[in-house]
Each structure stands twice: as C-alpha cells, then as structure tokens.
Amino acid sequence: MDIKFGEMELKIFEFVCELARNITVSILEQLDERLRNERDKKRYRMKDKNKTAIKTLYGNVEYARRYYFDNEKKNTFICSMKK
C-alpha cells in the first residue's frame, strides 16, 4: 500500500472538520430545543424555524433555529443564537 503522509494528513483533517461540524450542529440544535422548552411561553411565541449557517474554522455549519416573537416588545424577534 502506497500512502503518502500528506494525503493521510489531509484525510484526517477533513474527517476531524466534518466531525466538528456535526458536533456543532448537535450543540446548537440542543440549545435551540432547550430555549423552546424553557422560554416564557406567554411572552415569547414561536414564529418560525429556519435554516441558517455560520462560518467556523472547520467550515460552514448549517443548522435550524427557531425565531420567537416577543409579545412585550412588539415588532421584536429573538432567536437562540445570533451570528
């Protein structure tokens, strides 16, 4: 088997970056779910759930997050994490 070190290094790097992106998606979506469950439901009404993306050192991370309408501050929307 003829594997060059640089090729192996690149494959490991790509694998680790993909793993980091997947972990990040999982954490962000868990935080979003926690906010959904723990929010003041009288004040914050769920408006929508959209896909978004953030740029990280290990590549673009796409995930879904909810937006809430703030009943106390009219015309104000919040989400679990801003960029």
PDB file of N, CA and C in Angstrom:
ATOM      1  N   MET A   1       0.857  -1.170   0.000  1.00  0.00           N
ATOM      2  CA  MET A   1       0.000   0.000   0.000  1.00  0.00           C
ATOM      3  C   MET A   1       0.904   1.234   0.000  1.00  0.00           C
ATOM      4  N   ASP A   2       0.629   2.136  -0.909  1.00  0.00           N
ATOM      5  CA  ASP A   2       1.472   3.317  -1.068  1.00  0.00           C
ATOM      6  C   ASP A   2       0.665   4.565  -0.706  1.00  0.00           C
ATOM      7  N   ILE A   3       0.728   4.971   0.563  1.00  0.00           N
ATOM      8  CA  ILE A   3       0.010   6.161   1.020  1.00  0.00           C
ATOM      9  C   ILE A   3       1.040   7.216   1.401  1.00  0.00           C
ATOM     10  N   LYS A   4       0.840   8.392   0.854  1.00  0.00           N
ATOM     11  CA  LYS A   4       1.730   9.486   1.185  1.00  0.00           C
ATOM     12  C   LYS A   4       1.243  10.155   2.465  1.00  0.00           C
ATOM     13  N   PHE A   5       2.189  10.616   3.257  1.00  0.00           N
ATOM     14  CA  PHE A   5       1.844  11.230   4.540  1.00  0.00           C
ATOM     15  C   PHE A   5       0.914  12.430   4.348  1.00  0.00           C
ATOM     16  N   GLY A   6       1.181  13.279   3.364  1.00  0.00           N
ATOM     17  CA  GLY A   6       0.352  14.466   3.119  1.00  0.00           C
ATOM     18  C   GLY A   6      -1.092  14.103   2.815  1.00  0.00           C
ATOM     19  N   GLU A   7      -1.296  13.016   2.046  1.00  0.00           N
ATOM     20  CA  GLU A   7      -2.648  12.561   1.730  1.00  0.00           C
ATOM     21  C   GLU A   7      -3.362  12.070   2.991  1.00  0.00           C
ATOM     22  N   MET A   8      -2.632  11.310   3.809  1.00  0.00           N
ATOM     23  CA  MET A   8      -3.199  10.812   5.049  1.00  0.00           C
ATOM     24  C   MET A   8      -3.561  11.984   5.974  1.00  0.00           C
ATOM     25  N   GLU A   9      -2.666  12.944   6.066  1.00  0.00           N
ATOM     26  CA  GLU A   9      -2.888  14.114   6.902  1.00  0.00           C
ATOM     27  C   GLU A   9      -4.143  14.871   6.447  1.00  0.00           C
ATOM     28  N   LEU A  10      -4.320  15.039   5.150  1.00  0.00           N
ATOM     29  CA  LEU A  10      -5.483  15.738   4.605  1.00  0.00           C
ATOM     30  C   LEU A  10      -6.770  14.970   4.900  1.00  0.00           C
ATOM     31  N   LYS A  11      -6.741  13.656   4.755  1.00  0.00           N
ATOM     32  CA  LYS A  11      -7.927  12.841   5.047  1.00  0.00           C
ATOM     33  C   LYS A  11      -8.306  12.941   6.531  1.00  0.00           C
ATOM     34  N   ILE A  12      -7.323  12.922   7.398  1.00  0.00           N
ATOM     35  CA  ILE A  12      -7.590  13.066   8.838  1.00  0.00           C
ATOM     36  C   ILE A  12      -8.164  14.447   9.129  1.00  0.00           C
ATOM     37  N   PHE A  13      -7.586  15.474   8.538  1.00  0.00           N
ATOM     38  CA  PHE A  13      -8.069  16.835   8.731  1.00  0.00           C
ATOM     39  C   PHE A  13      -9.521  16.970   8.282  1.00  0.00           C
ATOM     40  N   GLU A  14      -9.845  16.452   7.089  1.00  0.00           N
ATOM     41  CA  GLU A  14     -11.217  16.514   6.574  1.00  0.00           C
ATOM     42  C   GLU A  14     -12.183  15.763   7.488  1.00  0.00           C
ATOM     43  N   PHE A  15     -11.765  14.605   7.977  1.00  0.00           N
ATOM     44  CA  PHE A  15     -12.608  13.814   8.879  1.00  0.00           C
ATOM     45  C   PHE A  15     -12.883  14.576  10.176  1.00  0.00           C
ATOM     46  N   VAL A  16     -11.845  15.159  10.761  1.00  0.00           N
ATOM     47  CA  VAL A  16     -11.989  15.891  12.021  1.00  0.00           C
ATOM     48  C   VAL A  16     -12.852  17.141  11.829  1.00  0.00           C
ATOM     49  N   CYS A  17     -12.697  17.836  10.716  1.00  0.00           N
ATOM     50  CA  CYS A  17     -13.535  19.011  10.441  1.00  0.00           C
ATOM     51  C   CYS A  17     -14.999  18.611  10.309  1.00  0.00           C
ATOM     52  N   GLU A  18     -15.271  17.527   9.597  1.00  0.00           N
ATOM     53  CA  GLU A  18     -16.651  17.046   9.461  1.00  0.00           C
ATOM     54  C   GLU A  18     -17.224  16.671  10.825  1.00  0.00           C
ATOM     55  N   LEU A  19     -16.437  16.006  11.642  1.00  0.00           N
ATOM     56  CA  LEU A  19     -16.866  15.643  12.996  1.00  0.00           C
ATOM     57  C   LEU A  19     -17.173  16.896  13.815  1.00  0.00           C
ATOM     58  N   ALA A  20     -16.319  17.902  13.734  1.00  0.00           N
ATOM     59  CA  ALA A  20     -16.529  19.151  14.470  1.00  0.00           C
ATOM     60  C   ALA A  20     -17.805  19.861  13.993  1.00  0.00           C
ATOM     61  N   ARG A  21     -18.056  19.853  12.685  1.00  0.00           N
ATOM     62  CA  ARG A  21     -19.286  20.470  12.165  1.00  0.00           C
ATOM     63  C   ARG A  21     -20.514  19.739  12.700  1.00  0.00           C
ATOM     64  N   ASN A  22     -20.484  18.416  12.705  1.00  0.00           N
ATOM     65  CA  ASN A  22     -21.614  17.635  13.205  1.00  0.00           C
ATOM     66  C   ASN A  22     -21.851  17.875  14.698  1.00  0.00           C
ATOM     67  N   ILE A  23     -20.785  17.952  15.467  1.00  0.00           N
ATOM     68  CA  ILE A  23     -20.913  18.225  16.901  1.00  0.00           C
ATOM     69  C   ILE A  23     -21.494  19.612  17.119  1.00  0.00           C
ATOM     70  N   THR A  24     -21.036  20.589  16.337  1.00  0.00           N
ATOM     71  CA  THR A  24     -21.535  21.958  16.463  1.00  0.00           C
ATOM     72  C   THR A  24     -23.028  22.018  16.156  1.00  0.00           C
ATOM     73  N   VAL A  25     -23.462  21.347  15.083  1.00  0.00           N
ATOM     74  CA  VAL A  25     -24.890  21.310  14.745  1.00  0.00           C
ATOM     75  C   VAL A  25     -25.676  20.721  15.907  1.00  0.00           C
ATOM     76  N   SER A  26     -25.201  19.636  16.443  1.00  0.00           N
ATOM     77  CA  SER A  26     -25.893  18.977  17.558  1.00  0.00           C
ATOM     78  C   SER A  26     -26.022  19.911  18.762  1.00  0.00           C
ATOM     79  N   ILE A  27     -24.949  20.585  19.118  1.00  0.00           N
ATOM     80  CA  ILE A  27     -24.969  21.501  20.265  1.00  0.00           C
ATOM     81  C   ILE A  27     -25.917  22.662  20.014  1.00  0.00           C
ATOM     82  N   LEU A  28     -25.838  23.283  18.837  1.00  0.00           N
ATOM     83  CA  LEU A  28     -26.695  24.432  18.529  1.00  0.00           C
ATOM     84  C   LEU A  28     -28.168  24.040  18.519  1.00  0.00           C
ATOM     85  N   GLU A  29     -28.484  22.881  17.962  1.00  0.00           N
ATOM     86  CA  GLU A  29     -29.878  22.451  17.922  1.00  0.00           C
ATOM     87  C   GLU A  29     -30.376  22.032  19.297  1.00  0.00           C
ATOM     88  N   GLN A  30     -29.495  21.502  20.145  1.00  0.00           N
ATOM     89  CA  GLN A  30     -29.891  21.204  21.528  1.00  0.00           C
ATOM     90  C   GLN A  30     -30.171  22.488  22.301  1.00  0.00           C
ATOM     91  N   LEU A  31     -29.345  23.515  22.094  1.00  0.00           N
ATOM     92  CA  LEU A  31     -29.585  24.809  22.741  1.00  0.00           C
ATOM     93  C   LEU A  31     -30.903  25.410  22.277  1.00  0.00           C
ATOM     94  N   ASP A  32     -31.190  25.297  20.990  1.00  0.00           N
ATOM     95  CA  ASP A  32     -32.439  25.800  20.441  1.00  0.00           C
ATOM     96  C   ASP A  32     -33.633  25.063  21.070  1.00  0.00           C
ATOM     97  N   GLU A  33     -33.518  23.770  21.207  1.00  0.00           N
ATOM     98  CA  GLU A  33     -34.580  22.965  21.815  1.00  0.00           C
ATOM     99  C   GLU A  33     -34.764  23.333  23.288  1.00  0.00           C
ATOM    100  N   ARG A  34     -33.662  23.561  23.972  1.00  0.00           N
ATOM    101  CA  ARG A  34     -33.733  23.971  25.386  1.00  0.00           C
ATOM    102  C   ARG A  34     -34.453  25.313  25.535  1.00  0.00           C
ATOM    103  N   LEU A  35     -34.117  26.263  24.664  1.00  0.00           N
ATOM    104  CA  LEU A  35     -34.797  27.552  24.696  1.00  0.00           C
ATOM    105  C   LEU A  35     -36.293  27.369  24.438  1.00  0.00           C
ATOM    106  N   ARG A  36     -36.644  26.513  23.499  1.00  0.00           N
ATOM    107  CA  ARG A  36     -38.053  26.253  23.196  1.00  0.00           C
ATOM    108  C   ARG A  36     -38.789  25.728  24.422  1.00  0.00           C
ATOM    109  N   ASN A  37     -38.150  24.852  25.164  1.00  0.00           N
ATOM    110  CA  ASN A  37     -38.793  24.236  26.328  1.00  0.00           C
ATOM    111  C   ASN A  37     -38.801  25.130  27.562  1.00  0.00           C
ATOM    112  N   GLU A  38     -37.797  25.992  27.705  1.00  0.00           N
ATOM    113  CA  GLU A  38     -37.651  26.774  28.935  1.00  0.00           C
ATOM    114  C   GLU A  38     -38.079  28.227  28.814  1.00  0.00           C
ATOM    115  N   ARG A  39     -38.494  28.656  27.645  1.00  0.00           N
ATOM    116  CA  ARG A  39     -38.862  30.064  27.457  1.00  0.00           C
ATOM    117  C   ARG A  39     -40.150  30.392  28.198  1.00  0.00           C
ATOM    118  N   ASP A  40     -40.374  31.667  28.425  1.00  0.00           N
ATOM    119  CA  ASP A  40     -41.635  32.163  28.968  1.00  0.00           C
ATOM    120  C   ASP A  40     -42.637  32.126  27.812  1.00  0.00           C
ATOM    121  N   LYS A  41     -43.501  31.118  27.807  1.00  0.00           N
ATOM    122  CA  LYS A  41     -44.395  30.892  26.674  1.00  0.00           C
ATOM    123  C   LYS A  41     -45.438  31.994  26.504  1.00  0.00           C
ATOM    124  N   LYS A  42     -45.728  32.718  27.569  1.00  0.00           N
ATOM    125  CA  LYS A  42     -46.666  33.830  27.459  1.00  0.00           C
ATOM    126  C   LYS A  42     -46.014  35.022  26.767  1.00  0.00           C
ATOM    127  N   ARG A  43     -44.727  35.189  26.995  1.00  0.00           N
ATOM    128  CA  ARG A  43     -44.024  36.327  26.404  1.00  0.00           C
ATOM    129  C   ARG A  43     -43.499  36.014  24.997  1.00  0.00           C
ATOM    130  N   TYR A  44     -42.912  34.834  24.818  1.00  0.00           N
ATOM    131  CA  TYR A  44     -42.266  34.501  23.553  1.00  0.00           C
ATOM    132  C   TYR A  44     -43.076  33.440  22.800  1.00  0.00           C
ATOM    133  N   ARG A  45     -43.593  33.834  21.658  1.00  0.00           N
ATOM    134  CA  ARG A  45     -44.391  32.940  20.819  1.00  0.00           C
ATOM    135  C   ARG A  45     -43.539  32.512  19.628  1.00  0.00           C
ATOM    136  N   MET A  46     -43.484  31.198  19.392  1.00  0.00           N
ATOM    137  CA  MET A  46     -42.679  30.719  18.285  1.00  0.00           C
ATOM    138  C   MET A  46     -43.255  31.227  16.964  1.00  0.00           C
ATOM    139  N   LYS A  47     -42.396  31.804  16.164  1.00  0.00           N
ATOM    140  CA  LYS A  47     -42.803  32.383  14.890  1.00  0.00           C
ATOM    141  C   LYS A  47     -42.448  31.463  13.730  1.00  0.00           C
ATOM    142  N   ASP A  48     -41.216  30.954  13.733  1.00  0.00           N
ATOM    143  CA  ASP A  48     -40.744  30.207  12.575  1.00  0.00           C
ATOM    144  C   ASP A  48     -39.498  29.414  12.949  1.00  0.00           C
ATOM    145  N   LYS A  49     -39.145  28.480  12.095  1.00  0.00           N
ATOM    146  CA  LYS A  49     -37.890  27.743  12.237  1.00  0.00           C
ATOM    147  C   LYS A  49     -37.225  27.751  10.873  1.00  0.00           C
ATOM    148  N   ASN A  50     -36.038  28.330  10.813  1.00  0.00           N
ATOM    149  CA  ASN A  50     -35.328  28.488   9.540  1.00  0.00           C
ATOM    150  C   ASN A  50     -33.942  27.880   9.604  1.00  0.00           C
ATOM    151  N   LYS A  51     -33.468  27.498   8.439  1.00  0.00           N
ATOM    152  CA  LYS A  51     -32.074  27.065   8.317  1.00  0.00           C
ATOM    153  C   LYS A  51     -31.191  28.297   8.237  1.00  0.00           C
ATOM    154  N   THR A  52     -30.037  28.210   8.840  1.00  0.00           N
ATOM    155  CA  THR A  52     -29.045  29.271   8.770  1.00  0.00           C
ATOM    156  C   THR A  52     -27.668  28.619   8.740  1.00  0.00           C
ATOM    157  N   ALA A  53     -26.646  29.413   8.550  1.00  0.00           N
ATOM    158  CA  ALA A  53     -25.285  28.869   8.508  1.00  0.00           C
ATOM    159  C   ALA A  53     -24.332  29.845   9.180  1.00  0.00           C
ATOM    160  N   ILE A  54     -23.308  29.294   9.794  1.00  0.00           N
ATOM    161  CA  ILE A  54     -22.247  30.110  10.370  1.00  0.00           C
ATOM    162  C   ILE A  54     -20.909  29.598   9.818  1.00  0.00           C
ATOM    163  N   LYS A  55     -19.987  30.522   9.665  1.00  0.00           N
ATOM    164  CA  LYS A  55     -18.641  30.162   9.216  1.00  0.00           C
ATOM    165  C   LYS A  55     -17.800  29.874  10.448  1.00  0.00           C
ATOM    166  N   THR A  56     -17.113  28.760  10.435  1.00  0.00           N
ATOM    167  CA  THR A  56     -16.229  28.392  11.540  1.00  0.00           C
ATOM    168  C   THR A  56     -14.844  28.090  10.983  1.00  0.00           C
ATOM    169  N   LEU A  57     -13.912  27.878  11.861  1.00  0.00           N
ATOM    170  CA  LEU A  57     -12.560  27.487  11.446  1.00  0.00           C
ATOM    171  C   LEU A  57     -12.566  26.155  10.707  1.00  0.00           C
ATOM    172  N   TYR A  58     -13.558  25.319  10.983  1.00  0.00           N
ATOM    173  CA  TYR A  58     -13.619  23.994  10.380  1.00  0.00           C
ATOM    174  C   TYR A  58     -14.682  23.893   9.290  1.00  0.00           C
ATOM    175  N   GLY A  59     -15.118  25.046   8.765  1.00  0.00           N
ATOM    176  CA  GLY A  59     -16.036  25.061   7.628  1.00  0.00           C
ATOM    177  C   GLY A  59     -17.408  25.607   7.985  1.00  0.00           C
ATOM    178  N   ASN A  60     -18.263  25.724   6.979  1.00  0.00           N
ATOM    179  CA  ASN A  60     -19.625  26.199   7.186  1.00  0.00           C
ATOM    180  C   ASN A  60     -20.433  25.177   7.975  1.00  0.00           C
ATOM    181  N   VAL A  61     -21.203  25.690   8.924  1.00  0.00           N
ATOM    182  CA  VAL A  61     -22.076  24.839   9.729  1.00  0.00           C
ATOM    183  C   VAL A  61     -23.504  25.298   9.470  1.00  0.00           C
ATOM    184  N   GLU A  62     -24.300  24.415   8.884  1.00  0.00           N
ATOM    185  CA  GLU A  62     -25.705  24.706   8.628  1.00  0.00           C
ATOM    186  C   GLU A  62     -26.545  24.021   9.691  1.00  0.00           C
ATOM    187  N   TYR A  63     -27.514  24.786  10.234  1.00  0.00           N
ATOM    188  CA  TYR A  63     -28.390  24.226  11.259  1.00  0.00           C
ATOM    189  C   TYR A  63     -29.715  24.979  11.235  1.00  0.00           C
ATOM    190  N   ALA A  64     -30.698  24.439  11.933  1.00  0.00           N
ATOM    191  CA  ALA A  64     -32.022  25.062  12.011  1.00  0.00           C
ATOM    192  C   ALA A  64     -32.181  25.695  13.395  1.00  0.00           C
ATOM    193  N   ARG A  65     -32.794  26.880  13.404  1.00  0.00           N
ATOM    194  CA  ARG A  65     -33.063  27.532  14.682  1.00  0.00           C
ATOM    195  C   ARG A  65     -34.430  28.200  14.622  1.00  0.00           C
ATOM    196  N   ARG A  66     -35.033  28.330  15.793  1.00  0.00           N
ATOM    197  CA  ARG A  66     -36.357  28.934  15.893  1.00  0.00           C
ATOM    198  C   ARG A  66     -36.246  30.435  16.145  1.00  0.00           C
ATOM    199  N   TYR A  67     -37.245  31.142  15.672  1.00  0.00           N
ATOM    200  CA  TYR A  67     -37.387  32.569  15.938  1.00  0.00           C
ATOM    201  C   TYR A  67     -38.669  32.754  16.741  1.00  0.00           C
ATOM    202  N   TYR A  68     -38.603  33.674  17.680  1.00  0.00           N
ATOM    203  CA  TYR A  68     -39.748  33.930  18.561  1.00  0.00           C
ATOM    204  C   TYR A  68     -40.149  35.391  18.487  1.00  0.00           C
ATOM    205  N   PHE A  69     -41.452  35.602  18.546  1.00  0.00           N
ATOM    206  CA  PHE A  69     -41.995  36.946  18.622  1.00  0.00           C
ATOM    207  C   PHE A  69     -42.094  37.311  20.094  1.00  0.00           C
ATOM    208  N   ASP A  70     -41.563  38.473  20.464  1.00  0.00           N
ATOM    209  CA  ASP A  70     -41.611  38.965  21.843  1.00  0.00           C
ATOM    210  C   ASP A  70     -42.899  39.766  22.012  1.00  0.00           C
ATOM    211  N   ASN A  71     -43.854  39.235  22.765  1.00  0.00           N
ATOM    212  CA  ASN A  71     -45.154  39.884  22.956  1.00  0.00           C
ATOM    213  C   ASN A  71     -45.057  41.174  23.754  1.00  0.00           C
ATOM    214  N   GLU A  72     -43.991  41.341  24.549  1.00  0.00           N
ATOM    215  CA  GLU A  72     -43.834  42.565  25.335  1.00  0.00           C
ATOM    216  C   GLU A  72     -43.187  43.691  24.518  1.00  0.00           C
ATOM    217  N   LYS A  73     -42.280  43.338  23.668  1.00  0.00           N
ATOM    218  CA  LYS A  73     -41.611  44.328  22.811  1.00  0.00           C
ATOM    219  C   LYS A  73     -42.086  44.073  21.391  1.00  0.00           C
ATOM    220  N   LYS A  74     -43.169  44.693  21.053  1.00  0.00           N
ATOM    221  CA  LYS A  74     -43.786  44.465  19.737  1.00  0.00           C
ATOM    222  C   LYS A  74     -42.763  44.687  18.618  1.00  0.00           C
ATOM    223  N   ASN A  75     -42.962  43.947  17.547  1.00  0.00           N
ATOM    224  CA  ASN A  75     -42.085  44.002  16.374  1.00  0.00           C
ATOM    225  C   ASN A  75     -40.658  43.564  16.689  1.00  0.00           C
ATOM    226  N   THR A  76     -40.478  42.751  17.718  1.00  0.00           N
ATOM    227  CA  THR A  76     -39.152  42.248  18.073  1.00  0.00           C
ATOM    228  C   THR A  76     -39.156  40.728  17.995  1.00  0.00           C
ATOM    229  N   PHE A  77     -38.134  40.208  17.338  1.00  0.00           N
ATOM    230  CA  PHE A  77     -37.975  38.768  17.223  1.00  0.00           C
ATOM    231  C   PHE A  77     -36.634  38.385  17.862  1.00  0.00           C
ATOM    232  N   ILE A  78     -36.609  37.216  18.475  1.00  0.00           N
ATOM    233  CA  ILE A  78     -35.362  36.716  19.048  1.00  0.00           C
ATOM    234  C   ILE A  78     -35.109  35.312  18.500  1.00  0.00           C
ATOM    235  N   CYS A  79     -33.868  34.871  18.608  1.00  0.00           N
ATOM    236  CA  CYS A  79     -33.516  33.514  18.234  1.00  0.00           C
ATOM    237  C   CYS A  79     -32.476  33.005  19.215  1.00  0.00           C
ATOM    238  N   SER A  80     -32.172  31.718  19.129  1.00  0.00           N
ATOM    239  CA  SER A  80     -31.291  31.076  20.105  1.00  0.00           C
ATOM    240  C   SER A  80     -29.861  31.594  20.050  1.00  0.00           C
ATOM    241  N   MET A  81     -29.380  31.921  18.868  1.00  0.00           N
ATOM    242  CA  MET A  81     -28.001  32.396  18.759  1.00  0.00           C
ATOM    243  C   MET A  81     -27.871  33.258  17.535  1.00  0.00           C
ATOM    244  N   LYS A  82     -27.338  34.448  17.741  1.00  0.00           N
ATOM    245  CA  LYS A  82     -27.084  35.324  16.613  1.00  0.00           C
ATOM    246  C   LYS A  82     -25.678  35.098  16.132  1.00  0.00           C
ATOM    247  N   LYS A  83     -25.437  35.404  14.884  1.00  0.00           N
ATOM    248  CA  LYS A  83     -24.108  35.203  14.295  1.00  0.00           C
ATOM    249  C   LYS A  83     -23.100  36.125  14.931  1.00  0.00           C
TER     250      LYS A  83
END
